[in-house]
Amino acid sequence: MKLVSALGLAAAALLASTSLGSAALDYSRDSYHVAGKHQVYVWCSSGPADQAVQVDAANAEEAIRKAVAGKANCWGVWQGLVK
């Protein structure tokens, strides 16, 4: 019973930390064109594991290009401007 409670608390903490991280992103249309630190989700058909990366760039398009640079068969999806 204690193990189940501990696992439940760990899962709740993980969910809370995940939602706090996403709350720090500004994904409004205007933020797409702003210079700063952008978060890009990079997914690949083969090779490195999918991951969210933060990139300093002039805008979201540049951030996506930087995030996937040098990675074969990978694509980036803009998630927001880091606040």
PDB file of N, CA and C in Angstrom:
ATOM      1  N   MET A   1       0.815  -1.193   0.000  1.00  0.00           N
ATOM      2  CA  MET A   1       0.000   0.000   0.000  1.00  0.00           C
ATOM      3  C   MET A   1       0.861   1.260   0.000  1.00  0.00           C
ATOM      4  N   LYS A   2       1.976   1.225   0.758  1.00  0.00           N
ATOM      5  CA  LYS A   2       2.871   2.375   0.784  1.00  0.00           C
ATOM      6  C   LYS A   2       3.504   2.596  -0.586  1.00  0.00           C
ATOM      7  N   LEU A   3       3.813   1.509  -1.294  1.00  0.00           N
ATOM      8  CA  LEU A   3       4.410   1.624  -2.626  1.00  0.00           C
ATOM      9  C   LEU A   3       3.447   2.293  -3.590  1.00  0.00           C
ATOM     10  N   VAL A   4       2.174   1.925  -3.526  1.00  0.00           N
ATOM     11  CA  VAL A   4       1.169   2.529  -4.396  1.00  0.00           C
ATOM     12  C   VAL A   4       1.043   4.021  -4.101  1.00  0.00           C
ATOM     13  N   SER A   5       1.048   4.384  -2.823  1.00  0.00           N
ATOM     14  CA  SER A   5       0.972   5.801  -2.442  1.00  0.00           C
ATOM     15  C   SER A   5       2.182   6.571  -2.929  1.00  0.00           C
ATOM     16  N   ALA A   6       3.362   5.979  -2.793  1.00  0.00           N
ATOM     17  CA  ALA A   6       4.593   6.639  -3.241  1.00  0.00           C
ATOM     18  C   ALA A   6       4.584   6.826  -4.750  1.00  0.00           C
ATOM     19  N   LEU A   7       4.133   5.818  -5.480  1.00  0.00           N
ATOM     20  CA  LEU A   7       4.063   5.927  -6.934  1.00  0.00           C
ATOM     21  C   LEU A   7       3.048   6.983  -7.355  1.00  0.00           C
ATOM     22  N   GLY A   8       1.949   7.056  -6.647  1.00  0.00           N
ATOM     23  CA  GLY A   8       0.938   8.072  -6.944  1.00  0.00           C
ATOM     24  C   GLY A   8       1.470   9.479  -6.721  1.00  0.00           C
ATOM     25  N   LEU A   9       2.205   9.671  -5.629  1.00  0.00           N
ATOM     26  CA  LEU A   9       2.799  10.980  -5.357  1.00  0.00           C
ATOM     27  C   LEU A   9       3.851  11.335  -6.399  1.00  0.00           C
ATOM     28  N   ALA A  10       4.644  10.363  -6.811  1.00  0.00           N
ATOM     29  CA  ALA A  10       5.662  10.614  -7.832  1.00  0.00           C
ATOM     30  C   ALA A  10       5.009  10.994  -9.161  1.00  0.00           C
ATOM     31  N   ALA A  11       3.940  10.321  -9.519  1.00  0.00           N
ATOM     32  CA  ALA A  11       3.228  10.643 -10.761  1.00  0.00           C
ATOM     33  C   ALA A  11       2.625  12.043 -10.693  1.00  0.00           C
ATOM     34  N   ALA A  12       2.059  12.402  -9.568  1.00  0.00           N
ATOM     35  CA  ALA A  12       1.479  13.739  -9.405  1.00  0.00           C
ATOM     36  C   ALA A  12       2.548  14.815  -9.503  1.00  0.00           C
ATOM     37  N   ALA A  13       3.712  14.567  -8.916  1.00  0.00           N
ATOM     38  CA  ALA A  13       4.816  15.531  -8.989  1.00  0.00           C
ATOM     39  C   ALA A  13       5.304  15.691 -10.421  1.00  0.00           C
ATOM     40  N   LEU A  14       5.373  14.592 -11.152  1.00  0.00           N
ATOM     41  CA  LEU A  14       5.803  14.643 -12.550  1.00  0.00           C
ATOM     42  C   LEU A  14       4.818  15.444 -13.388  1.00  0.00           C
ATOM     43  N   LEU A  15       3.539  15.207 -13.194  1.00  0.00           N
ATOM     44  CA  LEU A  15       2.529  15.958 -13.937  1.00  0.00           C
ATOM     45  C   LEU A  15       2.573  17.442 -13.595  1.00  0.00           C
ATOM     46  N   ALA A  16       2.779  17.761 -12.350  1.00  0.00           N
ATOM     47  CA  ALA A  16       2.841  19.166 -11.934  1.00  0.00           C
ATOM     48  C   ALA A  16       4.046  19.859 -12.552  1.00  0.00           C
ATOM     49  N   SER A  17       5.195  19.195 -12.565  1.00  0.00           N
ATOM     50  CA  SER A  17       6.387  19.817 -13.132  1.00  0.00           C
ATOM     51  C   SER A  17       6.264  19.960 -14.638  1.00  0.00           C
ATOM     52  N   THR A  18       5.610  19.023 -15.298  1.00  0.00           N
ATOM     53  CA  THR A  18       5.401  19.108 -16.742  1.00  0.00           C
ATOM     54  C   THR A  18       4.476  20.260 -17.084  1.00  0.00           C
ATOM     55  N   SER A  19       3.402  20.421 -16.339  1.00  0.00           N
ATOM     56  CA  SER A  19       2.468  21.504 -16.641  1.00  0.00           C
ATOM     57  C   SER A  19       3.078  22.860 -16.317  1.00  0.00           C
ATOM     58  N   LEU A  20       3.944  22.943 -15.302  1.00  0.00           N
ATOM     59  CA  LEU A  20       4.603  24.203 -15.005  1.00  0.00           C
ATOM     60  C   LEU A  20       5.547  24.602 -16.118  1.00  0.00           C
ATOM     61  N   GLY A  21       6.244  23.629 -16.711  1.00  0.00           N
ATOM     62  CA  GLY A  21       7.161  23.918 -17.800  1.00  0.00           C
ATOM     63  C   GLY A  21       6.438  24.448 -19.010  1.00  0.00           C
ATOM     64  N   SER A  22       5.288  23.896 -19.332  1.00  0.00           N
ATOM     65  CA  SER A  22       4.557  24.355 -20.496  1.00  0.00           C
ATOM     66  C   SER A  22       3.881  25.692 -20.237  1.00  0.00           C
ATOM     67  N   ALA A  23       3.626  26.030 -18.969  1.00  0.00           N
ATOM     68  CA  ALA A  23       2.999  27.307 -18.649  1.00  0.00           C
ATOM     69  C   ALA A  23       3.954  28.466 -18.912  1.00  0.00           C
ATOM     70  N   ALA A  24       5.256  28.193 -19.000  1.00  0.00           N
ATOM     71  CA  ALA A  24       6.242  29.234 -19.222  1.00  0.00           C
ATOM     72  C   ALA A  24       6.421  29.553 -20.704  1.00  0.00           C
ATOM     73  N   LEU A  25       5.617  28.957 -21.573  1.00  0.00           N
ATOM     74  CA  LEU A  25       5.727  29.200 -23.014  1.00  0.00           C
ATOM     75  C   LEU A  25       4.631  30.151 -23.470  1.00  0.00           C
ATOM     76  N   ASP A  26       5.008  31.087 -24.316  1.00  0.00           N
ATOM     77  CA  ASP A  26       4.046  31.973 -24.955  1.00  0.00           C
ATOM     78  C   ASP A  26       3.900  31.501 -26.392  1.00  0.00           C
ATOM     79  N   TYR A  27       2.775  30.900 -26.710  1.00  0.00           N
ATOM     80  CA  TYR A  27       2.573  30.345 -28.051  1.00  0.00           C
ATOM     81  C   TYR A  27       1.588  31.178 -28.862  1.00  0.00           C
ATOM     82  N   SER A  28       1.492  32.458 -28.521  1.00  0.00           N
ATOM     83  CA  SER A  28       0.618  33.349 -29.281  1.00  0.00           C
ATOM     84  C   SER A  28       1.218  33.596 -30.671  1.00  0.00           C
ATOM     85  N   ARG A  29       0.371  33.984 -31.591  1.00  0.00           N
ATOM     86  CA  ARG A  29       0.802  34.220 -32.972  1.00  0.00           C
ATOM     87  C   ARG A  29       1.916  35.269 -33.048  1.00  0.00           C
ATOM     88  N   ASP A  30       1.828  36.302 -32.225  1.00  0.00           N
ATOM     89  CA  ASP A  30       2.839  37.363 -32.230  1.00  0.00           C
ATOM     90  C   ASP A  30       4.206  36.848 -31.789  1.00  0.00           C
ATOM     91  N   SER A  31       4.239  35.892 -30.872  1.00  0.00           N
ATOM     92  CA  SER A  31       5.504  35.360 -30.362  1.00  0.00           C
ATOM     93  C   SER A  31       6.279  34.588 -31.415  1.00  0.00           C
ATOM     94  N   TYR A  32       5.599  34.123 -32.443  1.00  0.00           N
ATOM     95  CA  TYR A  32       6.244  33.373 -33.521  1.00  0.00           C
ATOM     96  C   TYR A  32       7.305  34.233 -34.210  1.00  0.00           C
ATOM     97  N   HIS A  33       7.077  35.532 -34.263  1.00  0.00           N
ATOM     98  CA  HIS A  33       7.955  36.443 -34.997  1.00  0.00           C
ATOM     99  C   HIS A  33       8.934  37.208 -34.110  1.00  0.00           C
ATOM    100  N   VAL A  34       8.989  36.882 -32.826  1.00  0.00           N
ATOM    101  CA  VAL A  34       9.809  37.613 -31.864  1.00  0.00           C
ATOM    102  C   VAL A  34      11.155  36.915 -31.679  1.00  0.00           C
ATOM    103  N   ALA A  35      12.209  37.721 -31.545  1.00  0.00           N
ATOM    104  CA  ALA A  35      13.530  37.172 -31.238  1.00  0.00           C
ATOM    105  C   ALA A  35      13.577  36.751 -29.780  1.00  0.00           C
ATOM    106  N   GLY A  36      14.300  35.673 -29.514  1.00  0.00           N
ATOM    107  CA  GLY A  36      14.450  35.202 -28.147  1.00  0.00           C
ATOM    108  C   GLY A  36      14.680  33.703 -28.116  1.00  0.00           C
ATOM    109  N   LYS A  37      14.392  33.111 -26.974  1.00  0.00           N
ATOM    110  CA  LYS A  37      14.564  31.663 -26.795  1.00  0.00           C
ATOM    111  C   LYS A  37      13.252  30.973 -27.129  1.00  0.00           C
ATOM    112  N   HIS A  38      13.294  30.138 -28.156  1.00  0.00           N
ATOM    113  CA  HIS A  38      12.110  29.414 -28.612  1.00  0.00           C
ATOM    114  C   HIS A  38      12.252  27.941 -28.255  1.00  0.00           C
ATOM    115  N   GLN A  39      11.129  27.319 -27.942  1.00  0.00           N
ATOM    116  CA  GLN A  39      11.133  25.875 -27.712  1.00  0.00           C
ATOM    117  C   GLN A  39      10.586  25.188 -28.950  1.00  0.00           C
ATOM    118  N   VAL A  40      11.343  24.193 -29.419  1.00  0.00           N
ATOM    119  CA  VAL A  40      10.990  23.444 -30.626  1.00  0.00           C
ATOM    120  C   VAL A  40      10.980  21.968 -30.271  1.00  0.00           C
ATOM    121  N   TYR A  41       9.911  21.266 -30.664  1.00  0.00           N
ATOM    122  CA  TYR A  41       9.868  19.815 -30.490  1.00  0.00           C
ATOM    123  C   TYR A  41      10.443  19.193 -31.749  1.00  0.00           C
ATOM    124  N   VAL A  42      11.509  18.422 -31.607  1.00  0.00           N
ATOM    125  CA  VAL A  42      12.184  17.789 -32.736  1.00  0.00           C
ATOM    126  C   VAL A  42      11.856  16.309 -32.717  1.00  0.00           C
ATOM    127  N   TRP A  43      11.292  15.845 -33.819  1.00  0.00           N
ATOM    128  CA  TRP A  43      11.001  14.411 -33.940  1.00  0.00           C
ATOM    129  C   TRP A  43      11.677  13.891 -35.189  1.00  0.00           C
ATOM    130  N   CYS A  44      12.160  12.669 -35.100  1.00  0.00           N
ATOM    131  CA  CYS A  44      12.945  12.065 -36.175  1.00  0.00           C
ATOM    132  C   CYS A  44      12.364  10.700 -36.541  1.00  0.00           C
ATOM    133  N   SER A  45      12.420  10.387 -37.840  1.00  0.00           N
ATOM    134  CA  SER A  45      11.923   9.081 -38.272  1.00  0.00           C
ATOM    135  C   SER A  45      12.904   7.977 -37.910  1.00  0.00           C
ATOM    136  N   SER A  46      14.155   8.328 -37.738  1.00  0.00           N
ATOM    137  CA  SER A  46      15.167   7.382 -37.259  1.00  0.00           C
ATOM    138  C   SER A  46      16.278   8.199 -36.620  1.00  0.00           C
ATOM    139  N   GLY A  47      17.070   7.563 -35.799  1.00  0.00           N
ATOM    140  CA  GLY A  47      18.177   8.299 -35.185  1.00  0.00           C
ATOM    141  C   GLY A  47      17.881   8.721 -33.778  1.00  0.00           C
ATOM    142  N   PRO A  48      18.229   9.979 -33.415  1.00  0.00           N
ATOM    143  CA  PRO A  48      18.081  10.387 -32.014  1.00  0.00           C
ATOM    144  C   PRO A  48      16.618  10.390 -31.572  1.00  0.00           C
ATOM    145  N   ALA A  49      16.428  10.223 -30.283  1.00  0.00           N
ATOM    146  CA  ALA A  49      15.070  10.213 -29.718  1.00  0.00           C
ATOM    147  C   ALA A  49      14.431  11.585 -29.861  1.00  0.00           C
ATOM    148  N   ASP A  50      13.114  11.610 -29.983  1.00  0.00           N
ATOM    149  CA  ASP A  50      12.374  12.866 -30.050  1.00  0.00           C
ATOM    150  C   ASP A  50      12.605  13.646 -28.757  1.00  0.00           C
ATOM    151  N   GLN A  51      12.670  14.979 -28.898  1.00  0.00           N
ATOM    152  CA  GLN A  51      12.911  15.790 -27.710  1.00  0.00           C
ATOM    153  C   GLN A  51      12.508  17.235 -27.958  1.00  0.00           C
ATOM    154  N   ALA A  52      12.251  17.948 -26.871  1.00  0.00           N
ATOM    155  CA  ALA A  52      11.994  19.380 -26.933  1.00  0.00           C
ATOM    156  C   ALA A  52      13.319  20.078 -26.640  1.00  0.00           C
ATOM    157  N   VAL A  53      13.681  21.037 -27.495  1.00  0.00           N
ATOM    158  CA  VAL A  53      14.924  21.778 -27.315  1.00  0.00           C
ATOM    159  C   VAL A  53      14.613  23.273 -27.292  1.00  0.00           C
ATOM    160  N   GLN A  54      15.455  24.037 -26.617  1.00  0.00           N
ATOM    161  CA  GLN A  54      15.306  25.486 -26.587  1.00  0.00           C
ATOM    162  C   GLN A  54      16.454  26.103 -27.372  1.00  0.00           C
ATOM    163  N   VAL A  55      16.099  27.035 -28.277  1.00  0.00           N
ATOM    164  CA  VAL A  55      17.060  27.610 -29.211  1.00  0.00           C
ATOM    165  C   VAL A  55      16.917  29.128 -29.212  1.00  0.00           C
ATOM    166  N   ASP A  56      18.031  29.846 -29.146  1.00  0.00           N
ATOM    167  CA  ASP A  56      18.020  31.297 -29.316  1.00  0.00           C
ATOM    168  C   ASP A  56      17.987  31.598 -30.806  1.00  0.00           C
ATOM    169  N   ALA A  57      17.019  32.411 -31.235  1.00  0.00           N
ATOM    170  CA  ALA A  57      16.867  32.708 -32.656  1.00  0.00           C
ATOM    171  C   ALA A  57      16.120  34.017 -32.853  1.00  0.00           C
ATOM    172  N   ALA A  58      16.187  34.527 -34.091  1.00  0.00           N
ATOM    173  CA  ALA A  58      15.516  35.781 -34.436  1.00  0.00           C
ATOM    174  C   ALA A  58      14.008  35.611 -34.513  1.00  0.00           C
ATOM    175  N   ASN A  59      13.545  34.392 -34.812  1.00  0.00           N
ATOM    176  CA  ASN A  59      12.109  34.094 -34.884  1.00  0.00           C
ATOM    177  C   ASN A  59      11.940  32.576 -34.853  1.00  0.00           C
ATOM    178  N   ALA A  60      10.705  32.119 -34.908  1.00  0.00           N
ATOM    179  CA  ALA A  60      10.430  30.687 -34.790  1.00  0.00           C
ATOM    180  C   ALA A  60      10.969  29.898 -35.979  1.00  0.00           C
ATOM    181  N   GLU A  61      10.886  30.457 -37.177  1.00  0.00           N
ATOM    182  CA  GLU A  61      11.388  29.740 -38.355  1.00  0.00           C
ATOM    183  C   GLU A  61      12.886  29.472 -38.240  1.00  0.00           C
ATOM    184  N   GLU A  62      13.630  30.479 -37.795  1.00  0.00           N
ATOM    185  CA  GLU A  62      15.064  30.289 -37.603  1.00  0.00           C
ATOM    186  C   GLU A  62      15.324  29.271 -36.491  1.00  0.00           C
ATOM    187  N   ALA A  63      14.523  29.312 -35.432  1.00  0.00           N
ATOM    188  CA  ALA A  63      14.683  28.371 -34.322  1.00  0.00           C
ATOM    189  C   ALA A  63      14.476  26.934 -34.798  1.00  0.00           C
ATOM    190  N   ILE A  64      13.482  26.716 -35.646  1.00  0.00           N
ATOM    191  CA  ILE A  64      13.229  25.373 -36.174  1.00  0.00           C
ATOM    192  C   ILE A  64      14.417  24.916 -37.009  1.00  0.00           C
ATOM    193  N   ARG A  65      14.915  25.807 -37.877  1.00  0.00           N
ATOM    194  CA  ARG A  65      16.072  25.448 -38.712  1.00  0.00           C
ATOM    195  C   ARG A  65      17.277  25.078 -37.850  1.00  0.00           C
ATOM    196  N   LYS A  66      17.534  25.867 -36.809  1.00  0.00           N
ATOM    197  CA  LYS A  66      18.664  25.585 -35.924  1.00  0.00           C
ATOM    198  C   LYS A  66      18.472  24.274 -35.162  1.00  0.00           C
ATOM    199  N   ALA A  67      17.246  24.015 -34.735  1.00  0.00           N
ATOM    200  CA  ALA A  67      16.970  22.823 -33.922  1.00  0.00           C
ATOM    201  C   ALA A  67      17.192  21.533 -34.702  1.00  0.00           C
ATOM    202  N   VAL A  68      16.939  21.555 -36.004  1.00  0.00           N
ATOM    203  CA  VAL A  68      17.078  20.325 -36.802  1.00  0.00           C
ATOM    204  C   VAL A  68      18.360  20.297 -37.617  1.00  0.00           C
ATOM    205  N   ALA A  69      19.179  21.329 -37.527  1.00  0.00           N
ATOM    206  CA  ALA A  69      20.417  21.394 -38.306  1.00  0.00           C
ATOM    207  C   ALA A  69      21.318  20.195 -38.006  1.00  0.00           C
ATOM    208  N   GLY A  70      21.772  19.559 -39.057  1.00  0.00           N
ATOM    209  CA  GLY A  70      22.690  18.428 -38.913  1.00  0.00           C
ATOM    210  C   GLY A  70      22.041  17.117 -38.528  1.00  0.00           C
ATOM    211  N   LYS A  71      20.729  17.080 -38.457  1.00  0.00           N
ATOM    212  CA  LYS A  71      20.025  15.846 -38.096  1.00  0.00           C
ATOM    213  C   LYS A  71      19.257  15.346 -39.317  1.00  0.00           C
ATOM    214  N   ALA A  72      19.554  14.137 -39.740  1.00  0.00           N
ATOM    215  CA  ALA A  72      18.888  13.564 -40.910  1.00  0.00           C
ATOM    216  C   ALA A  72      17.495  13.055 -40.538  1.00  0.00           C
ATOM    217  N   ASN A  73      16.541  13.257 -41.433  1.00  0.00           N
ATOM    218  CA  ASN A  73      15.177  12.763 -41.258  1.00  0.00           C
ATOM    219  C   ASN A  73      14.522  13.272 -39.971  1.00  0.00           C
ATOM    220  N   CYS A  74      14.759  14.543 -39.646  1.00  0.00           N
ATOM    221  CA  CYS A  74      14.167  15.152 -38.457  1.00  0.00           C
ATOM    222  C   CYS A  74      13.381  16.396 -38.858  1.00  0.00           C
ATOM    223  N   TRP A  75      12.326  16.658 -38.108  1.00  0.00           N
ATOM    224  CA  TRP A  75      11.469  17.815 -38.347  1.00  0.00           C
ATOM    225  C   TRP A  75      11.231  18.515 -37.025  1.00  0.00           C
ATOM    226  N   GLY A  76      11.026  19.809 -37.099  1.00  0.00           N
ATOM    227  CA  GLY A  76      10.786  20.577 -35.891  1.00  0.00           C
ATOM    228  C   GLY A  76       9.406  21.200 -35.894  1.00  0.00           C
ATOM    229  N   VAL A  77       8.820  21.277 -34.727  1.00  0.00           N
ATOM    230  CA  VAL A  77       7.523  21.918 -34.538  1.00  0.00           C
ATOM    231  C   VAL A  77       7.684  22.946 -33.434  1.00  0.00           C
ATOM    232  N   TRP A  78       7.364  24.204 -33.747  1.00  0.00           N
ATOM    233  CA  TRP A  78       7.493  25.283 -32.778  1.00  0.00           C
ATOM    234  C   TRP A  78       6.464  25.098 -31.682  1.00  0.00           C
ATOM    235  N   GLN A  79       6.911  25.201 -30.419  1.00  0.00           N
ATOM    236  CA  GLN A  79       6.002  25.061 -29.290  1.00  0.00           C
ATOM    237  C   GLN A  79       5.733  26.383 -28.595  1.00  0.00           C
ATOM    238  N   GLY A  80       6.640  27.345 -28.710  1.00  0.00           N
ATOM    239  CA  GLY A  80       6.398  28.627 -28.089  1.00  0.00           C
ATOM    240  C   GLY A  80       7.664  29.365 -27.753  1.00  0.00           C
ATOM    241  N   LEU A  81       7.491  30.609 -27.354  1.00  0.00           N
ATOM    242  CA  LEU A  81       8.585  31.460 -26.907  1.00  0.00           C
ATOM    243  C   LEU A  81       8.731  31.269 -25.411  1.00  0.00           C
ATOM    244  N   VAL A  82       9.930  30.987 -24.953  1.00  0.00           N
ATOM    245  CA  VAL A  82      10.174  30.736 -23.533  1.00  0.00           C
ATOM    246  C   VAL A  82      10.147  32.063 -22.791  1.00  0.00           C
ATOM    247  N   LYS A  83       9.346  32.126 -21.745  1.00  0.00           N
ATOM    248  CA  LYS A  83       9.230  33.340 -20.937  1.00  0.00           C
ATOM    249  C   LYS A  83      10.026  33.226 -19.676  1.00  0.00           C
TER     250      LYS A  83
END
